[in-house]
Amino acid sequence: MSPSPSPSPIPTAIAPPTGPDPLLGTDGRLTVLLLGSDYRPAHPGNRTDAIMVVSVDPTTEKAAGFSIPRDTSGFPLDNGRKYGAKVNGLYAHLQSTTGTGGLALSKAVSKAFDIEIDGYVFIGFNGVKALVAAVGGVDVTLDKPYYDAHYWVNAHHQGWGLPAGRSHLGPADALIFARSRKGDSDFGRARRQQQLVMAALTKVRSQGIAKLPRLLQIASRTVRTNLPLDRASDLFDIVSKTDLSKIERTVFGPTKFAAGGPGTSFELKISVCRAWIKANLPPIRPMGHWPAVATPAASPIVPAP
């Protein structure tokens, strides 16, 4: 006698998670504020001449990013006021007044652009060189030659540039690539900074997850961040699946995104900036659509580079 067939299984409802994944926040994106400091002994202080937001949608594997030029003035603060000086001094101002410059600047950027910032990364010259060295240099490709006749490479050598096409940059040249601006403009420098970040991420993921412990070791000495570094493998997984070659990038400068002329201080057209963000960094998942995970403790903030 044949056994009776088993009853059809009844789908079991799975309770939604109680909160969002700490990496993705409430909008389902990984959005990070990247800050590059110009600190050096001859010029103490932490002016952030690189202020960039990069956001990844892990569901579509698309990414977008924008830079806030250093000469931006009147940047909105989360208390409804404006910062009167150039925005590259805002981090240091918030650090001195709140003691948490990265977190405070994240809140200001979040409020100004109506965007969710999931974490920040603050890095200086030594950190850039150390991380580039750790991955064996990075590759960048230029559509046309670039030359800055005014850049002092060292006390005896002035002038630096790259030809059109692909170039391999070691630690020193990578830093110059991110700092040089007199070969074109501060807006060109912001675009090169974006390009360097993409090149670094491309190199990191090409070397595989086995490289992460070494990179995290270097980062612990040279980087400040509030990203949960115990989720480093998840961060790597998100980056490894993202199509970095098609990332949407822009610089919020005059005249489209800001009122004022290049070479002088200018104020952002916040509504125009927000429209670009809404089009390119839209929320993907409403609250409760992620796998339930334990919320890790934030990584400790390490000394400034």
C-alpha atoms as a PDB file:
ATOM      1  CA  MET A   1       0.000   0.000   0.000  1.00  0.00           C
ATOM      2  CA  SER A   2       1.436   3.313  -1.022  1.00  0.00           C
ATOM      3  CA  PRO A   3       2.031   5.803   1.728  1.00  0.00           C
ATOM      4  CA  SER A   4      -0.210   8.800   1.842  1.00  0.00           C
ATOM      5  CA  PRO A   5       1.293  11.903   0.313  1.00  0.00           C
ATOM      6  CA  SER A   6       2.641  14.462   2.717  1.00  0.00           C
ATOM      7  CA  PRO A   7       0.434  17.495   3.150  1.00  0.00           C
ATOM      8  CA  SER A   8       1.498  20.575   1.196  1.00  0.00           C
ATOM      9  CA  PRO A   9       3.737  22.759   3.301  1.00  0.00           C
ATOM     10  CA  ILE A  10       2.139  25.911   4.590  1.00  0.00           C
ATOM     11  CA  PRO A  11       4.294  29.021   4.106  1.00  0.00           C
ATOM     12  CA  THR A  12       5.461  30.403   7.403  1.00  0.00           C
ATOM     13  CA  ALA A  13       5.385  34.151   7.837  1.00  0.00           C
ATOM     14  CA  ILE A  14       8.803  35.575   8.669  1.00  0.00           C
ATOM     15  CA  ALA A  15       8.735  38.505  11.032  1.00  0.00           C
ATOM     16  CA  PRO A  16      10.424  41.593   9.625  1.00  0.00           C
ATOM     17  CA  PRO A  17      13.601  42.730  11.348  1.00  0.00           C
ATOM     18  CA  THR A  18      13.176  45.161  14.190  1.00  0.00           C
ATOM     19  CA  GLY A  19      15.473  47.732  12.584  1.00  0.00           C
ATOM     20  CA  PRO A  20      17.643  48.457   9.606  1.00  0.00           C
ATOM     21  CA  ASP A  21      20.990  46.933   8.854  1.00  0.00           C
ATOM     22  CA  PRO A  22      23.549  49.250  10.499  1.00  0.00           C
ATOM     23  CA  LEU A  23      25.455  49.517   7.214  1.00  0.00           C
ATOM     24  CA  LEU A  24      22.421  50.498   5.150  1.00  0.00           C
ATOM     25  CA  GLY A  25      20.401  52.643   7.504  1.00  0.00           C
ATOM     26  CA  THR A  26      16.740  53.355   6.816  1.00  0.00           C
ATOM     27  CA  ASP A  27      17.112  54.035   3.076  1.00  0.00           C
ATOM     28  CA  GLY A  28      18.740  50.742   2.062  1.00  0.00           C
ATOM     29  CA  ARG A  29      21.909  52.407   0.746  1.00  0.00           C
ATOM     30  CA  LEU A  30      25.476  52.451   2.041  1.00  0.00           C
ATOM     31  CA  THR A  31      26.342  56.163   2.077  1.00  0.00           C
ATOM     32  CA  VAL A  32      29.703  57.342   3.389  1.00  0.00           C
ATOM     33  CA  LEU A  33      31.180  60.807   3.910  1.00  0.00           C
ATOM     34  CA  LEU A  34      34.858  60.841   2.886  1.00  0.00           C
ATOM     35  CA  LEU A  35      37.046  63.575   4.346  1.00  0.00           C
ATOM     36  CA  GLY A  36      40.628  64.259   3.283  1.00  0.00           C
ATOM     37  CA  SER A  37      42.722  66.419   5.625  1.00  0.00           C
ATOM     38  CA  ASP A  38      45.606  68.640   4.523  1.00  0.00           C
ATOM     39  CA  TYR A  39      47.314  68.384   7.923  1.00  0.00           C
ATOM     40  CA  ARG A  40      51.112  68.537   7.892  1.00  0.00           C
ATOM     41  CA  PRO A  41      53.616  69.935  10.409  1.00  0.00           C
ATOM     42  CA  ALA A  42      54.169  73.113   8.389  1.00  0.00           C
ATOM     43  CA  HIS A  43      50.405  73.740   8.225  1.00  0.00           C
ATOM     44  CA  PRO A  44      48.799  72.486  11.448  1.00  0.00           C
ATOM     45  CA  GLY A  45      45.073  72.042  11.640  1.00  0.00           C
ATOM     46  CA  ASN A  46      42.715  69.784   9.752  1.00  0.00           C
ATOM     47  CA  ARG A  47      41.330  71.596   6.732  1.00  0.00           C
ATOM     48  CA  THR A  48      39.327  69.110   4.691  1.00  0.00           C
ATOM     49  CA  ASP A  49      40.176  69.991   1.098  1.00  0.00           C
ATOM     50  CA  ALA A  50      38.418  66.782   0.074  1.00  0.00           C
ATOM     51  CA  ILE A  51      34.754  66.456   1.071  1.00  0.00           C
ATOM     52  CA  MET A  52      33.007  63.698  -0.830  1.00  0.00           C
ATOM     53  CA  VAL A  53      29.902  61.573  -0.427  1.00  0.00           C
ATOM     54  CA  VAL A  54      29.816  58.112  -2.023  1.00  0.00           C
ATOM     55  CA  SER A  55      26.666  56.000  -1.981  1.00  0.00           C
ATOM     56  CA  VAL A  56      26.090  52.407  -3.107  1.00  0.00           C
ATOM     57  CA  ASP A  57      22.808  50.634  -3.754  1.00  0.00           C
ATOM     58  CA  PRO A  58      23.574  46.968  -2.985  1.00  0.00           C
ATOM     59  CA  THR A  59      20.370  45.782  -4.692  1.00  0.00           C
ATOM     60  CA  THR A  60      21.132  47.249  -8.124  1.00  0.00           C
ATOM     61  CA  GLU A  61      24.934  47.353  -7.668  1.00  0.00           C
ATOM     62  CA  LYS A  62      24.939  50.979  -8.800  1.00  0.00           C
ATOM     63  CA  ALA A  63      26.804  53.821  -7.124  1.00  0.00           C
ATOM     64  CA  ALA A  64      26.861  57.608  -7.175  1.00  0.00           C
ATOM     65  CA  GLY A  65      28.900  60.323  -5.521  1.00  0.00           C
ATOM     66  CA  PHE A  66      29.389  64.056  -5.257  1.00  0.00           C
ATOM     67  CA  SER A  67      32.030  66.448  -3.958  1.00  0.00           C
ATOM     68  CA  ILE A  68      31.618  69.728  -2.097  1.00  0.00           C
ATOM     69  CA  PRO A  69      34.343  72.141  -3.310  1.00  0.00           C
ATOM     70  CA  ARG A  70      36.564  73.559  -0.585  1.00  0.00           C
ATOM     71  CA  ASP A  71      35.697  77.192  -1.486  1.00  0.00           C
ATOM     72  CA  THR A  72      32.013  76.676  -0.709  1.00  0.00           C
ATOM     73  CA  SER A  73      30.841  79.236   1.872  1.00  0.00           C
ATOM     74  CA  GLY A  74      27.650  79.664   3.846  1.00  0.00           C
ATOM     75  CA  PHE A  75      27.258  75.906   4.287  1.00  0.00           C
ATOM     76  CA  PRO A  76      24.048  75.096   6.189  1.00  0.00           C
ATOM     77  CA  LEU A  77      24.459  73.686   9.686  1.00  0.00           C
ATOM     78  CA  ASP A  78      22.046  71.311  11.362  1.00  0.00           C
ATOM     79  CA  ASN A  79      21.032  74.048  13.830  1.00  0.00           C
ATOM     80  CA  GLY A  80      19.582  76.199  11.045  1.00  0.00           C
ATOM     81  CA  ARG A  81      22.533  78.568  10.846  1.00  0.00           C
ATOM     82  CA  LYS A  82      25.258  78.849   8.224  1.00  0.00           C
ATOM     83  CA  TYR A  83      29.006  78.475   8.458  1.00  0.00           C
ATOM     84  CA  GLY A  84      30.367  81.752   7.137  1.00  0.00           C
ATOM     85  CA  ALA A  85      33.908  80.697   6.238  1.00  0.00           C
ATOM     86  CA  LYS A  86      34.968  78.227   3.551  1.00  0.00           C
ATOM     87  CA  VAL A  87      33.646  74.735   4.085  1.00  0.00           C
ATOM     88  CA  ASN A  88      37.121  73.203   4.282  1.00  0.00           C
ATOM     89  CA  GLY A  89      37.383  74.744   7.761  1.00  0.00           C
ATOM     90  CA  LEU A  90      34.066  73.356   8.994  1.00  0.00           C
ATOM     91  CA  TYR A  91      35.424  70.027  10.227  1.00  0.00           C
ATOM     92  CA  ALA A  92      38.025  71.739  12.422  1.00  0.00           C
ATOM     93  CA  HIS A  93      35.385  74.174  13.714  1.00  0.00           C
ATOM     94  CA  LEU A  94      33.011  71.363  14.637  1.00  0.00           C
ATOM     95  CA  GLN A  95      35.819  69.328  16.148  1.00  0.00           C
ATOM     96  CA  SER A  96      36.750  72.225  18.428  1.00  0.00           C
ATOM     97  CA  THR A  97      33.151  73.009  19.411  1.00  0.00           C
ATOM     98  CA  THR A  98      31.670  69.506  19.682  1.00  0.00           C
ATOM     99  CA  GLY A  99      34.652  67.175  20.050  1.00  0.00           C
ATOM    100  CA  THR A 100      33.214  64.931  17.334  1.00  0.00           C
ATOM    101  CA  GLY A 101      34.082  66.634  14.056  1.00  0.00           C
ATOM    102  CA  GLY A 102      33.317  63.691  11.780  1.00  0.00           C
ATOM    103  CA  LEU A 103      29.974  62.916  13.361  1.00  0.00           C
ATOM    104  CA  ALA A 104      28.950  66.577  13.534  1.00  0.00           C
ATOM    105  CA  LEU A 105      29.896  67.184   9.900  1.00  0.00           C
ATOM    106  CA  SER A 106      27.994  64.055   8.885  1.00  0.00           C
ATOM    107  CA  LYS A 107      24.896  65.476  10.564  1.00  0.00           C
ATOM    108  CA  ALA A 108      25.350  68.837   8.832  1.00  0.00           C
ATOM    109  CA  VAL A 109      25.767  67.232   5.400  1.00  0.00           C
ATOM    110  CA  SER A 110      22.794  64.966   6.074  1.00  0.00           C
ATOM    111  CA  LYS A 111      20.575  67.897   7.040  1.00  0.00           C
ATOM    112  CA  ALA A 112      21.737  70.169   4.205  1.00  0.00           C
ATOM    113  CA  PHE A 113      21.112  67.640   1.443  1.00  0.00           C
ATOM    114  CA  ASP A 114      18.288  65.624   3.033  1.00  0.00           C
ATOM    115  CA  ILE A 115      20.378  62.477   2.739  1.00  0.00           C
ATOM    116  CA  GLU A 116      21.181  59.666   5.141  1.00  0.00           C
ATOM    117  CA  ILE A 117      24.887  59.375   6.010  1.00  0.00           C
ATOM    118  CA  ASP A 118      25.727  55.942   7.404  1.00  0.00           C
ATOM    119  CA  GLY A 119      29.309  56.674   8.386  1.00  0.00           C
ATOM    120  CA  TYR A 120      32.351  58.820   7.778  1.00  0.00           C
ATOM    121  CA  VAL A 121      36.008  58.203   6.976  1.00  0.00           C
ATOM    122  CA  PHE A 122      38.657  60.826   7.806  1.00  0.00           C
ATOM    123  CA  ILE A 123      42.128  60.397   6.335  1.00  0.00           C
ATOM    124  CA  GLY A 124      45.292  62.477   6.029  1.00  0.00           C
ATOM    125  CA  PHE A 125      48.335  62.520   3.760  1.00  0.00           C
ATOM    126  CA  ASN A 126      50.139  59.680   5.547  1.00  0.00           C
ATOM    127  CA  GLY A 127      47.038  57.526   5.453  1.00  0.00           C
ATOM    128  CA  VAL A 128      46.604  57.971   1.711  1.00  0.00           C
ATOM    129  CA  LYS A 129      50.211  57.019   1.024  1.00  0.00           C
ATOM    130  CA  ALA A 130      50.160  54.062   3.407  1.00  0.00           C
ATOM    131  CA  LEU A 131      46.988  52.559   1.936  1.00  0.00           C
ATOM    132  CA  VAL A 132      48.114  53.097  -1.669  1.00  0.00           C
ATOM    133  CA  ALA A 133      51.441  51.459  -0.834  1.00  0.00           C
ATOM    134  CA  ALA A 134      49.653  48.504   0.784  1.00  0.00           C
ATOM    135  CA  VAL A 135      47.749  47.697  -2.416  1.00  0.00           C
ATOM    136  CA  GLY A 136      50.785  48.162  -4.665  1.00  0.00           C
ATOM    137  CA  GLY A 137      49.718  51.448  -6.222  1.00  0.00           C
ATOM    138  CA  VAL A 138      46.662  52.379  -8.258  1.00  0.00           C
ATOM    139  CA  ASP A 139      45.847  52.929 -11.932  1.00  0.00           C
ATOM    140  CA  VAL A 140      44.143  56.029 -13.312  1.00  0.00           C
ATOM    141  CA  THR A 141      43.208  56.919 -16.880  1.00  0.00           C
ATOM    142  CA  LEU A 142      43.098  60.500 -18.176  1.00  0.00           C
ATOM    143  CA  ASP A 143      41.291  61.677 -21.296  1.00  0.00           C
ATOM    144  CA  LYS A 144      43.906  64.400 -21.814  1.00  0.00           C
ATOM    145  CA  PRO A 145      47.315  65.283 -20.326  1.00  0.00           C
ATOM    146  CA  TYR A 146      47.470  67.083 -17.007  1.00  0.00           C
ATOM    147  CA  TYR A 147      50.359  69.286 -15.866  1.00  0.00           C
ATOM    148  CA  ASP A 148      50.705  71.564 -12.841  1.00  0.00           C
ATOM    149  CA  ALA A 149      53.745  73.779 -13.325  1.00  0.00           C
ATOM    150  CA  HIS A 150      53.389  75.256  -9.831  1.00  0.00           C
ATOM    151  CA  TYR A 151      53.333  72.078  -7.736  1.00  0.00           C
ATOM    152  CA  TRP A 152      56.442  71.565  -5.613  1.00  0.00           C
ATOM    153  CA  VAL A 153      57.193  67.840  -5.641  1.00  0.00           C
ATOM    154  CA  ASN A 154      60.056  68.456  -3.219  1.00  0.00           C
ATOM    155  CA  ALA A 155      62.369  71.298  -2.253  1.00  0.00           C
ATOM    156  CA  HIS A 156      64.276  70.973  -5.544  1.00  0.00           C
ATOM    157  CA  HIS A 157      61.625  69.959  -8.076  1.00  0.00           C
ATOM    158  CA  GLN A 158      58.656  72.056  -9.173  1.00  0.00           C
ATOM    159  CA  GLY A 159      56.110  70.816 -11.689  1.00  0.00           C
ATOM    160  CA  TRP A 160      54.182  67.554 -11.928  1.00  0.00           C
ATOM    161  CA  GLY A 161      51.910  65.940 -14.501  1.00  0.00           C
ATOM    162  CA  LEU A 162      50.566  62.861 -16.210  1.00  0.00           C
ATOM    163  CA  PRO A 163      50.094  61.997 -19.883  1.00  0.00           C
ATOM    164  CA  ALA A 164      46.785  61.087 -21.454  1.00  0.00           C
ATOM    165  CA  GLY A 165      45.886  57.446 -21.066  1.00  0.00           C
ATOM    166  CA  ARG A 166      46.592  55.017 -18.271  1.00  0.00           C
ATOM    167  CA  SER A 167      49.155  55.730 -15.544  1.00  0.00           C
ATOM    168  CA  HIS A 168      50.231  53.698 -12.534  1.00  0.00           C
ATOM    169  CA  LEU A 169      50.580  55.806  -9.394  1.00  0.00           C
ATOM    170  CA  GLY A 170      52.646  54.928  -6.366  1.00  0.00           C
ATOM    171  CA  PRO A 171      52.024  56.472  -2.936  1.00  0.00           C
ATOM    172  CA  ALA A 172      53.713  59.834  -3.575  1.00  0.00           C
ATOM    173  CA  ASP A 173      52.167  60.385  -7.013  1.00  0.00           C
ATOM    174  CA  ALA A 174      48.728  59.287  -5.808  1.00  0.00           C
ATOM    175  CA  LEU A 175      48.846  61.968  -3.114  1.00  0.00           C
ATOM    176  CA  ILE A 176      49.932  64.614  -5.630  1.00  0.00           C
ATOM    177  CA  PHE A 177      47.115  63.492  -7.943  1.00  0.00           C
ATOM    178  CA  ALA A 178      44.643  64.200  -5.141  1.00  0.00           C
ATOM    179  CA  ARG A 179      46.223  67.515  -4.112  1.00  0.00           C
ATOM    180  CA  SER A 180      47.283  69.259  -7.331  1.00  0.00           C
ATOM    181  CA  ARG A 181      44.889  71.929  -8.607  1.00  0.00           C
ATOM    182  CA  LYS A 182      46.815  74.673 -10.400  1.00  0.00           C
ATOM    183  CA  GLY A 183      46.969  72.662 -13.606  1.00  0.00           C
ATOM    184  CA  ASP A 184      43.254  73.366 -13.992  1.00  0.00           C
ATOM    185  CA  SER A 185      41.088  74.242 -10.947  1.00  0.00           C
ATOM    186  CA  ASP A 186      39.813  73.152  -7.570  1.00  0.00           C
ATOM    187  CA  PHE A 187      36.885  71.518  -9.369  1.00  0.00           C
ATOM    188  CA  GLY A 188      39.306  69.483 -11.462  1.00  0.00           C
ATOM    189  CA  ARG A 189      41.062  68.460  -8.268  1.00  0.00           C
ATOM    190  CA  ALA A 190      37.741  67.313  -6.777  1.00  0.00           C
ATOM    191  CA  ARG A 191      37.136  65.170  -9.862  1.00  0.00           C
ATOM    192  CA  ARG A 192      40.633  63.668  -9.534  1.00  0.00           C
ATOM    193  CA  GLN A 193      39.951  62.901  -5.882  1.00  0.00           C
ATOM    194  CA  GLN A 194      36.831  61.027  -6.937  1.00  0.00           C
ATOM    195  CA  GLN A 195      38.834  59.182  -9.564  1.00  0.00           C
ATOM    196  CA  LEU A 196      41.493  58.217  -7.035  1.00  0.00           C
ATOM    197  CA  VAL A 197      38.885  56.810  -4.644  1.00  0.00           C
ATOM    198  CA  MET A 198      37.387  54.709  -7.445  1.00  0.00           C
ATOM    199  CA  ALA A 199      40.853  53.508  -8.491  1.00  0.00           C
ATOM    200  CA  ALA A 200      41.699  52.541  -4.913  1.00  0.00           C
ATOM    201  CA  LEU A 201      38.437  50.632  -4.454  1.00  0.00           C
ATOM    202  CA  THR A 202      39.004  48.845  -7.765  1.00  0.00           C
ATOM    203  CA  LYS A 203      42.501  47.799  -6.672  1.00  0.00           C
ATOM    204  CA  VAL A 204      41.347  46.670  -3.233  1.00  0.00           C
ATOM    205  CA  ARG A 205      38.648  44.384  -4.567  1.00  0.00           C
ATOM    206  CA  SER A 206      40.975  42.963  -7.250  1.00  0.00           C
ATOM    207  CA  GLN A 207      43.245  41.679  -4.475  1.00  0.00           C
ATOM    208  CA  GLY A 208      40.447  39.850  -2.711  1.00  0.00           C
ATOM    209  CA  ILE A 209      39.178  39.711   0.831  1.00  0.00           C
ATOM    210  CA  ALA A 210      42.414  38.151   2.097  1.00  0.00           C
ATOM    211  CA  LYS A 211      43.997  41.606   1.900  1.00  0.00           C
ATOM    212  CA  LEU A 212      41.500  43.125   4.333  1.00  0.00           C
ATOM    213  CA  PRO A 213      43.322  42.324   7.621  1.00  0.00           C
ATOM    214  CA  ARG A 214      46.416  44.192   6.457  1.00  0.00           C
ATOM    215  CA  LEU A 215      44.380  47.171   5.221  1.00  0.00           C
ATOM    216  CA  LEU A 216      42.417  47.316   8.467  1.00  0.00           C
ATOM    217  CA  GLN A 217      45.659  47.238  10.416  1.00  0.00           C
ATOM    218  CA  ILE A 218      46.924  50.251   8.478  1.00  0.00           C
ATOM    219  CA  ALA A 219      43.566  52.011   8.767  1.00  0.00           C
ATOM    220  CA  SER A 220      43.574  51.592  12.551  1.00  0.00           C
ATOM    221  CA  ARG A 221      46.671  53.814  12.667  1.00  0.00           C
ATOM    222  CA  THR A 222      45.838  56.364   9.978  1.00  0.00           C
ATOM    223  CA  VAL A 223      42.059  56.681   9.682  1.00  0.00           C
ATOM    224  CA  ARG A 224      39.219  57.952  11.852  1.00  0.00           C
ATOM    225  CA  THR A 225      35.873  56.319  11.182  1.00  0.00           C
ATOM    226  CA  ASN A 226      32.616  55.347  12.827  1.00  0.00           C
ATOM    227  CA  LEU A 227      31.871  52.576  10.347  1.00  0.00           C
ATOM    228  CA  PRO A 228      31.495  49.174  12.051  1.00  0.00           C
ATOM    229  CA  LEU A 229      34.808  47.619  11.022  1.00  0.00           C
ATOM    230  CA  ASP A 230      33.712  44.260  12.392  1.00  0.00           C
ATOM    231  CA  ARG A 231      31.480  44.277   9.301  1.00  0.00           C
ATOM    232  CA  ALA A 232      34.483  44.748   7.007  1.00  0.00           C
ATOM    233  CA  SER A 233      33.696  41.589   5.051  1.00  0.00           C
ATOM    234  CA  ASP A 234      30.190  42.909   4.340  1.00  0.00           C
ATOM    235  CA  LEU A 235      31.626  46.261   3.253  1.00  0.00           C
ATOM    236  CA  PHE A 236      33.987  44.409   0.936  1.00  0.00           C
ATOM    237  CA  ASP A 237      31.121  42.350  -0.464  1.00  0.00           C
ATOM    238  CA  ILE A 238      29.089  45.479  -1.267  1.00  0.00           C
ATOM    239  CA  VAL A 239      32.047  47.171  -2.973  1.00  0.00           C
ATOM    240  CA  SER A 240      33.056  44.036  -4.879  1.00  0.00           C
ATOM    241  CA  LYS A 241      29.630  43.816  -6.511  1.00  0.00           C
ATOM    242  CA  THR A 242      29.383  47.488  -7.436  1.00  0.00           C
ATOM    243  CA  ASP A 243      30.016  48.604 -11.017  1.00  0.00           C
ATOM    244  CA  LEU A 244      32.539  51.337 -10.278  1.00  0.00           C
ATOM    245  CA  SER A 245      33.092  52.060 -13.979  1.00  0.00           C
ATOM    246  CA  LYS A 246      29.571  53.441 -14.289  1.00  0.00           C
ATOM    247  CA  ILE A 247      29.337  55.457 -11.108  1.00  0.00           C
ATOM    248  CA  GLU A 248      27.460  58.747 -11.439  1.00  0.00           C
ATOM    249  CA  ARG A 249      29.740  61.542 -10.199  1.00  0.00           C
ATOM    250  CA  THR A 250      29.570  65.304  -9.995  1.00  0.00           C
ATOM    251  CA  VAL A 251      31.126  68.295  -8.229  1.00  0.00           C
ATOM    252  CA  PHE A 252      28.747  70.799  -6.652  1.00  0.00           C
ATOM    253  CA  GLY A 253      30.330  73.917  -8.140  1.00  0.00           C
ATOM    254  CA  PRO A 254      29.241  77.019 -10.080  1.00  0.00           C
ATOM    255  CA  THR A 255      27.197  77.722 -11.995  1.00  0.00           C
ATOM    256  CA  LYS A 256      24.810  74.783 -12.050  1.00  0.00           C
ATOM    257  CA  PHE A 257      25.048  73.841  -8.380  1.00  0.00           C
ATOM    258  CA  ALA A 258      26.288  77.065  -6.791  1.00  0.00           C
ATOM    259  CA  ALA A 259      25.874  80.825  -7.076  1.00  0.00           C
ATOM    260  CA  GLY A 260      29.171  82.635  -7.579  1.00  0.00           C
ATOM    261  CA  GLY A 261      32.201  82.370  -9.780  1.00  0.00           C
ATOM    262  CA  PRO A 262      35.170  79.978  -9.700  1.00  0.00           C
ATOM    263  CA  GLY A 263      38.126  81.339  -7.746  1.00  0.00           C
ATOM    264  CA  THR A 264      35.924  83.036  -5.171  1.00  0.00           C
ATOM    265  CA  SER A 265      33.724  81.786  -2.363  1.00  0.00           C
ATOM    266  CA  PHE A 266      30.257  80.713  -3.454  1.00  0.00           C
ATOM    267  CA  GLU A 267      27.104  79.327  -1.898  1.00  0.00           C
ATOM    268  CA  LEU A 268      25.439  76.117  -2.960  1.00  0.00           C
ATOM    269  CA  LYS A 269      22.022  76.094  -4.590  1.00  0.00           C
ATOM    270  CA  ILE A 270      20.726  73.599  -2.082  1.00  0.00           C
ATOM    271  CA  SER A 271      17.532  72.800  -3.986  1.00  0.00           C
ATOM    272  CA  VAL A 272      19.518  72.008  -7.148  1.00  0.00           C
ATOM    273  CA  CYS A 273      21.956  69.829  -5.201  1.00  0.00           C
ATOM    274  CA  ARG A 274      19.078  68.000  -3.543  1.00  0.00           C
ATOM    275  CA  ALA A 275      17.443  67.374  -6.920  1.00  0.00           C
ATOM    276  CA  TRP A 276      20.649  65.713  -8.200  1.00  0.00           C
ATOM    277  CA  ILE A 277      20.873  63.604  -5.055  1.00  0.00           C
ATOM    278  CA  LYS A 278      17.246  62.554  -5.270  1.00  0.00           C
ATOM    279  CA  ALA A 279      17.733  61.473  -8.884  1.00  0.00           C
ATOM    280  CA  ASN A 280      21.006  59.616  -8.343  1.00  0.00           C
ATOM    281  CA  LEU A 281      20.889  58.443  -4.712  1.00  0.00           C
ATOM    282  CA  PRO A 282      17.224  57.537  -4.200  1.00  0.00           C
ATOM    283  CA  PRO A 283      16.092  55.503  -1.173  1.00  0.00           C
ATOM    284  CA  ILE A 284      15.779  51.865  -2.207  1.00  0.00           C
ATOM    285  CA  ARG A 285      14.287  49.835   0.617  1.00  0.00           C
ATOM    286  CA  PRO A 286      11.702  51.042   3.120  1.00  0.00           C
ATOM    287  CA  MET A 287      12.346  50.190   6.745  1.00  0.00           C
ATOM    288  CA  GLY A 288      12.237  46.489   7.538  1.00  0.00           C
ATOM    289  CA  HIS A 289      13.332  44.960   4.224  1.00  0.00           C
ATOM    290  CA  TRP A 290      16.781  43.747   5.270  1.00  0.00           C
ATOM    291  CA  PRO A 291      17.898  40.503   6.854  1.00  0.00           C
ATOM    292  CA  ALA A 292      17.886  40.733  10.611  1.00  0.00           C
ATOM    293  CA  VAL A 293      21.394  41.216  11.963  1.00  0.00           C
ATOM    294  CA  ALA A 294      22.869  42.015  15.314  1.00  0.00           C
ATOM    295  CA  THR A 295      23.824  45.647  15.675  1.00  0.00           C
ATOM    296  CA  PRO A 296      27.605  45.855  16.141  1.00  0.00           C
ATOM    297  CA  ALA A 297      29.328  48.450  18.250  1.00  0.00           C
ATOM    298  CA  ALA A 298      30.853  51.341  16.313  1.00  0.00           C
ATOM    299  CA  SER A 299      34.586  51.157  15.781  1.00  0.00           C
ATOM    300  CA  PRO A 300      36.646  53.293  18.121  1.00  0.00           C
ATOM    301  CA  ILE A 301      37.928  56.570  16.777  1.00  0.00           C
ATOM    302  CA  VAL A 302      41.692  56.406  16.401  1.00  0.00           C
ATOM    303  CA  PRO A 303      44.099  59.334  16.660  1.00  0.00           C
ATOM    304  CA  ALA A 304      44.204  61.839  13.832  1.00  0.00           C
ATOM    305  CA  PRO A 305      46.648  61.048  11.026  1.00  0.00           C
END
